[in-house]
N, C-alpha and C. Protein backbone atom coordinates (compact mmCIF):
# COMPACT_ATOMS: atom_id res chain seq x y z
N MET A 1 -6.92 18.02 67.31
CA MET A 1 -7.10 17.16 66.16
C MET A 1 -6.57 17.82 64.89
N GLU A 2 -6.64 19.14 64.83
CA GLU A 2 -6.18 19.85 63.64
C GLU A 2 -4.68 19.64 63.40
N THR A 3 -3.89 19.59 64.46
CA THR A 3 -2.45 19.36 64.33
C THR A 3 -2.19 17.96 63.77
N PHE A 4 -2.94 16.99 64.24
CA PHE A 4 -2.81 15.61 63.73
C PHE A 4 -3.13 15.56 62.25
N GLN A 5 -4.18 16.23 61.84
CA GLN A 5 -4.58 16.24 60.44
C GLN A 5 -3.53 16.91 59.57
N LYS A 6 -2.98 18.01 60.04
CA LYS A 6 -1.95 18.70 59.28
C LYS A 6 -0.68 17.86 59.17
N THR A 7 -0.34 17.16 60.24
CA THR A 7 0.84 16.29 60.22
C THR A 7 0.67 15.16 59.21
N THR A 8 -0.49 14.52 59.22
CA THR A 8 -0.72 13.45 58.26
C THR A 8 -0.74 13.99 56.84
N LEU A 9 -1.27 15.18 56.65
CA LEU A 9 -1.28 15.79 55.32
C LEU A 9 0.14 16.09 54.85
N ILE A 10 1.00 16.55 55.72
CA ILE A 10 2.40 16.82 55.36
C ILE A 10 3.09 15.55 54.90
N PHE A 11 2.91 14.45 55.64
CA PHE A 11 3.52 13.18 55.22
C PHE A 11 2.96 12.71 53.89
N THR A 12 1.68 12.91 53.65
CA THR A 12 1.08 12.52 52.39
C THR A 12 1.65 13.36 51.24
N ILE A 13 1.86 14.63 51.48
CA ILE A 13 2.45 15.51 50.46
C ILE A 13 3.89 15.10 50.18
N ILE A 14 4.64 14.75 51.21
CA ILE A 14 6.01 14.27 51.01
C ILE A 14 6.00 13.03 50.13
N GLY A 15 5.07 12.12 50.39
CA GLY A 15 4.96 10.92 49.56
C GLY A 15 4.60 11.25 48.13
N ALA A 16 3.71 12.21 47.93
CA ALA A 16 3.32 12.60 46.58
C ALA A 16 4.49 13.24 45.83
N ILE A 17 5.25 14.06 46.52
CA ILE A 17 6.43 14.66 45.89
C ILE A 17 7.43 13.59 45.50
N ASN A 18 7.65 12.63 46.38
CA ASN A 18 8.58 11.54 46.08
C ASN A 18 8.11 10.75 44.86
N TRP A 19 6.81 10.43 44.80
CA TRP A 19 6.28 9.70 43.64
C TRP A 19 6.39 10.53 42.37
N GLY A 20 6.20 11.83 42.48
CA GLY A 20 6.38 12.70 41.31
C GLY A 20 7.82 12.69 40.81
N LEU A 21 8.76 12.74 41.75
CA LEU A 21 10.17 12.68 41.36
C LEU A 21 10.51 11.35 40.71
N ILE A 22 9.94 10.27 41.23
CA ILE A 22 10.18 8.95 40.63
C ILE A 22 9.59 8.90 39.22
N GLY A 23 8.38 9.39 39.07
CA GLY A 23 7.70 9.33 37.78
C GLY A 23 8.34 10.21 36.72
N PHE A 24 8.72 11.43 37.09
CA PHE A 24 9.25 12.36 36.10
C PHE A 24 10.75 12.22 35.86
N PHE A 25 11.50 11.93 36.92
CA PHE A 25 12.95 11.96 36.81
C PHE A 25 13.64 10.65 37.19
N ASP A 26 12.87 9.63 37.54
CA ASP A 26 13.43 8.35 37.99
C ASP A 26 14.41 8.57 39.15
N PHE A 27 14.02 9.44 40.07
CA PHE A 27 14.85 9.78 41.23
C PHE A 27 14.03 9.57 42.50
N ASN A 28 14.49 8.66 43.35
CA ASN A 28 13.81 8.38 44.61
C ASN A 28 14.50 9.16 45.72
N LEU A 29 13.85 10.21 46.17
CA LEU A 29 14.43 11.09 47.19
C LEU A 29 14.61 10.38 48.52
N VAL A 30 13.64 9.57 48.91
CA VAL A 30 13.71 8.88 50.21
C VAL A 30 14.90 7.92 50.24
N GLU A 31 15.06 7.14 49.19
CA GLU A 31 16.18 6.19 49.16
C GLU A 31 17.52 6.91 49.02
N SER A 32 17.54 8.04 48.36
CA SER A 32 18.80 8.77 48.25
C SER A 32 19.19 9.41 49.59
N LEU A 33 18.20 9.78 50.39
CA LEU A 33 18.49 10.36 51.70
C LEU A 33 18.90 9.31 52.73
N PHE A 34 18.21 8.16 52.73
CA PHE A 34 18.40 7.17 53.78
C PHE A 34 19.15 5.93 53.33
N GLY A 35 19.39 5.76 52.03
CA GLY A 35 20.09 4.59 51.51
C GLY A 35 19.11 3.48 51.15
N MET A 36 19.47 2.73 50.13
CA MET A 36 18.58 1.68 49.64
C MET A 36 18.53 0.48 50.59
N GLU A 37 19.63 0.17 51.22
CA GLU A 37 19.71 -1.02 52.06
C GLU A 37 19.26 -0.78 53.49
N SER A 38 18.98 0.45 53.82
CA SER A 38 18.57 0.79 55.18
C SER A 38 17.10 0.45 55.41
N MET A 39 16.74 0.30 56.66
CA MET A 39 15.35 0.03 57.03
C MET A 39 14.53 1.33 57.05
N LEU A 40 15.20 2.46 57.10
CA LEU A 40 14.50 3.75 57.20
C LEU A 40 13.57 4.05 56.03
N PRO A 41 13.95 3.78 54.76
CA PRO A 41 12.98 4.04 53.69
C PRO A 41 11.69 3.25 53.85
N LYS A 42 11.78 2.02 54.29
CA LYS A 42 10.57 1.22 54.50
C LYS A 42 9.70 1.82 55.59
N ILE A 43 10.33 2.34 56.62
CA ILE A 43 9.59 2.98 57.70
C ILE A 43 8.91 4.25 57.18
N VAL A 44 9.63 5.05 56.39
CA VAL A 44 9.05 6.27 55.83
C VAL A 44 7.88 5.92 54.92
N TYR A 45 8.05 4.89 54.06
CA TYR A 45 6.96 4.49 53.17
C TYR A 45 5.75 4.01 53.97
N ALA A 46 5.98 3.29 55.06
CA ALA A 46 4.87 2.81 55.89
C ALA A 46 4.14 3.99 56.54
N ILE A 47 4.90 4.94 57.04
CA ILE A 47 4.28 6.12 57.67
C ILE A 47 3.47 6.91 56.64
N VAL A 48 4.02 7.10 55.44
CA VAL A 48 3.31 7.83 54.40
C VAL A 48 2.04 7.09 54.01
N GLY A 49 2.11 5.77 53.90
CA GLY A 49 0.92 4.98 53.56
C GLY A 49 -0.16 5.07 54.62
N ILE A 50 0.23 4.98 55.87
CA ILE A 50 -0.74 5.09 56.97
C ILE A 50 -1.36 6.48 56.98
N CYS A 51 -0.54 7.51 56.78
CA CYS A 51 -1.06 8.88 56.75
C CYS A 51 -2.02 9.08 55.58
N GLY A 52 -1.73 8.46 54.44
CA GLY A 52 -2.64 8.54 53.30
C GLY A 52 -3.99 7.93 53.63
N LEU A 53 -3.98 6.79 54.30
CA LEU A 53 -5.24 6.15 54.69
C LEU A 53 -6.00 7.00 55.70
N ILE A 54 -5.28 7.61 56.62
CA ILE A 54 -5.92 8.49 57.59
C ILE A 54 -6.56 9.68 56.87
N ASN A 55 -5.87 10.22 55.87
CA ASN A 55 -6.42 11.35 55.11
C ASN A 55 -7.66 10.96 54.33
N VAL A 56 -7.74 9.74 53.85
CA VAL A 56 -8.96 9.27 53.18
C VAL A 56 -10.11 9.28 54.18
N GLY A 57 -9.85 8.80 55.39
CA GLY A 57 -10.87 8.83 56.43
C GLY A 57 -11.30 10.24 56.78
N ILE A 58 -10.34 11.16 56.86
CA ILE A 58 -10.66 12.55 57.15
C ILE A 58 -11.50 13.15 56.03
N LEU A 59 -11.18 12.81 54.78
CA LEU A 59 -11.93 13.31 53.64
C LEU A 59 -13.39 12.89 53.71
N PHE A 60 -13.64 11.60 53.97
CA PHE A 60 -15.02 11.13 54.05
C PHE A 60 -15.73 11.69 55.27
N ASN A 61 -15.03 11.86 56.37
CA ASN A 61 -15.61 12.47 57.57
C ASN A 61 -16.01 13.91 57.27
N HIS A 62 -15.19 14.61 56.50
CA HIS A 62 -15.49 16.00 56.13
C HIS A 62 -16.77 16.07 55.29
N PHE A 63 -16.95 15.12 54.37
CA PHE A 63 -18.16 15.09 53.56
C PHE A 63 -19.40 14.82 54.42
N GLU A 64 -19.29 13.94 55.39
CA GLU A 64 -20.42 13.62 56.26
C GLU A 64 -20.83 14.84 57.08
N VAL A 65 -19.89 15.60 57.57
CA VAL A 65 -20.18 16.78 58.38
C VAL A 65 -20.89 17.84 57.53
N LYS A 66 -20.46 18.03 56.28
CA LYS A 66 -21.06 19.04 55.40
C LYS A 66 -22.51 18.71 55.06
N GLU A 67 -22.85 17.43 54.95
CA GLU A 67 -24.20 17.04 54.56
C GLU A 67 -25.20 17.30 55.66
N LYS A 68 -24.81 17.29 56.90
CA LYS A 68 -25.75 17.45 58.03
C LYS A 68 -26.24 18.85 58.18
């Protein structure tokens, strides 16, 4: 399970870096790597979004374990 958690965290960090680049420099790394018209950026965004939701679940699960 630890490998799964680390993998989802890596994708979430990639998404955060991309959003930081967009916010600070108006540069979208994902679209520059895969092209704007390609389906790949949408797939990457979907994977990052799913991983973010999984990390929210892991966060709350971690809080529940600490309270017991």
